[in-house]
Amino acid sequence: MIELIKSNREGILQSDVRKNLGIDSKKCSRLVNKLMKKHLIRREPELAKGRNTFRLYPLTFSGPGEKHTKLLAKGRFSPCTGCTLDCAPETCYPLNEWVYAVIEEES
């Protein structure tokens, strides 16, 4: 599915994806949701032939922008980004390792 979407830079209707792959709409929706959760595609609502559907677009990542590079150390974002651990910053091993990486890059 992802290859079909990637081959259509201008986007492809979800109903056309379903027809091309020969799958039912329920399965297609589940697969689309999985790809969206992985940030591989985005979708926008569209009216096609009088019916509501979605246009699917591939997402590409070209790396962090200039304003984001200050948040990186050794190519990694701060470990606190998205962290669910219940810890104190002073005793967090992943955070300490990241801070040391920042210090190394600055020296």
Protein backbone atom coordinates (compact mmCIF):
# COMPACT_ATOMS: atom_id res chain seq x y z
CA MET A 1 0.00 0.00 0.00
CA ILE A 2 2.71 2.49 0.92
CA GLU A 3 4.45 2.00 -2.43
CA LEU A 4 1.22 2.78 -4.27
CA ILE A 5 0.77 5.96 -2.25
CA LYS A 6 4.42 6.97 -2.70
CA SER A 7 4.12 6.55 -6.46
CA ASN A 8 1.43 9.26 -6.53
CA ARG A 9 3.09 12.46 -5.29
CA GLU A 10 -0.07 14.47 -6.07
CA GLY A 11 -2.00 12.11 -3.81
CA ILE A 12 -4.32 9.21 -4.50
CA LEU A 13 -7.89 8.67 -3.41
CA GLN A 14 -8.30 6.12 -0.64
CA SER A 15 -11.09 4.52 -2.67
CA ASP A 16 -8.67 4.08 -5.58
CA VAL A 17 -6.09 2.48 -3.29
CA ARG A 18 -8.73 0.05 -2.09
CA LYS A 19 -9.73 -0.83 -5.66
CA ASN A 20 -6.12 -1.20 -6.84
CA LEU A 21 -5.28 -3.54 -3.98
CA GLY A 22 -8.56 -5.43 -4.13
CA ILE A 23 -9.35 -5.02 -0.43
CA ASP A 24 -12.54 -4.00 1.33
CA SER A 25 -13.01 -0.49 2.74
CA LYS A 26 -12.75 -1.62 6.38
CA LYS A 27 -9.36 -3.27 5.86
CA CYS A 28 -8.17 -0.31 3.81
CA SER A 29 -9.14 2.11 6.60
CA ARG A 30 -7.27 0.04 9.19
CA LEU A 31 -4.13 -0.05 7.03
CA VAL A 32 -4.35 3.70 6.36
CA ASN A 33 -4.67 4.38 10.10
CA LYS A 34 -1.58 2.26 10.81
CA LEU A 35 0.43 4.18 8.19
CA MET A 36 -0.77 7.49 9.61
CA LYS A 37 0.27 6.46 13.14
CA LYS A 38 3.74 5.70 11.78
CA HIS A 39 3.78 9.16 10.13
CA LEU A 40 4.27 7.63 6.68
CA ILE A 41 1.19 9.22 5.10
CA ARG A 42 -1.32 12.01 5.66
CA ARG A 43 -4.90 12.21 4.43
CA GLU A 44 -7.27 15.01 3.58
CA PRO A 45 -11.03 14.74 3.13
CA GLU A 46 -12.26 15.04 -0.44
CA LEU A 47 -15.54 14.74 -2.31
CA ALA A 48 -15.11 12.51 -5.36
CA LYS A 49 -18.01 11.61 -7.65
CA GLY A 50 -20.46 12.79 -5.00
CA ARG A 51 -18.96 10.56 -2.29
CA ASN A 52 -16.83 11.40 0.71
CA THR A 53 -13.38 9.87 0.60
CA PHE A 54 -9.82 10.87 1.48
CA ARG A 55 -6.83 11.80 -0.63
CA LEU A 56 -3.70 10.10 0.68
CA TYR A 57 -0.28 11.72 0.44
CA PRO A 58 3.11 10.22 1.26
CA LEU A 59 5.16 11.92 3.95
CA THR A 60 8.89 12.24 3.60
CA PHE A 61 11.40 13.21 6.24
CA SER A 62 14.41 15.14 5.05
CA GLY A 63 16.00 15.52 8.46
CA PRO A 64 15.72 18.18 11.12
CA GLY A 65 15.53 21.81 10.08
CA GLU A 66 18.05 24.39 11.22
CA LYS A 67 15.91 25.52 14.15
CA HIS A 68 15.72 21.93 15.43
CA THR A 69 19.43 21.11 15.31
CA LYS A 70 19.93 22.87 18.65
CA LEU A 71 17.70 20.24 20.20
CA LEU A 72 19.93 17.45 18.91
CA ALA A 73 23.03 15.88 20.37
CA LYS A 74 24.81 13.22 18.31
CA GLY A 75 21.78 13.22 16.01
CA ARG A 76 19.33 12.40 18.81
CA PHE A 77 16.59 14.52 20.35
CA SER A 78 16.49 14.95 24.09
CA PRO A 79 15.41 11.68 25.70
CA CYS A 80 12.74 13.64 27.59
CA THR A 81 10.85 14.09 24.32
CA GLY A 82 7.98 11.66 24.62
CA CYS A 83 9.38 10.04 27.75
CA THR A 84 6.91 8.31 30.06
CA LEU A 85 9.31 7.42 32.86
CA ASP A 86 8.55 8.73 36.32
CA CYS A 87 11.98 10.06 37.24
CA ALA A 88 13.79 13.18 38.39
CA PRO A 89 16.00 14.94 35.83
CA GLU A 90 18.93 14.89 38.27
CA THR A 91 18.96 11.09 38.38
CA CYS A 92 17.81 10.23 34.85
CA TYR A 93 20.55 8.23 33.12
CA PRO A 94 19.33 8.79 29.51
CA LEU A 95 19.06 12.54 30.12
CA ASN A 96 22.53 12.71 31.70
CA GLU A 97 24.04 10.85 28.73
CA TRP A 98 22.33 13.26 26.33
CA VAL A 99 23.54 16.33 28.27
CA TYR A 100 27.11 14.98 28.17
CA ALA A 101 26.75 14.56 24.40
CA VAL A 102 25.67 18.20 24.12
CA ILE A 103 28.71 19.29 26.15
CA GLU A 104 31.03 17.18 23.94
CA GLU A 105 29.64 18.75 20.76
CA GLU A 106 30.10 22.27 22.12
CA SER A 107 33.74 21.71 23.09
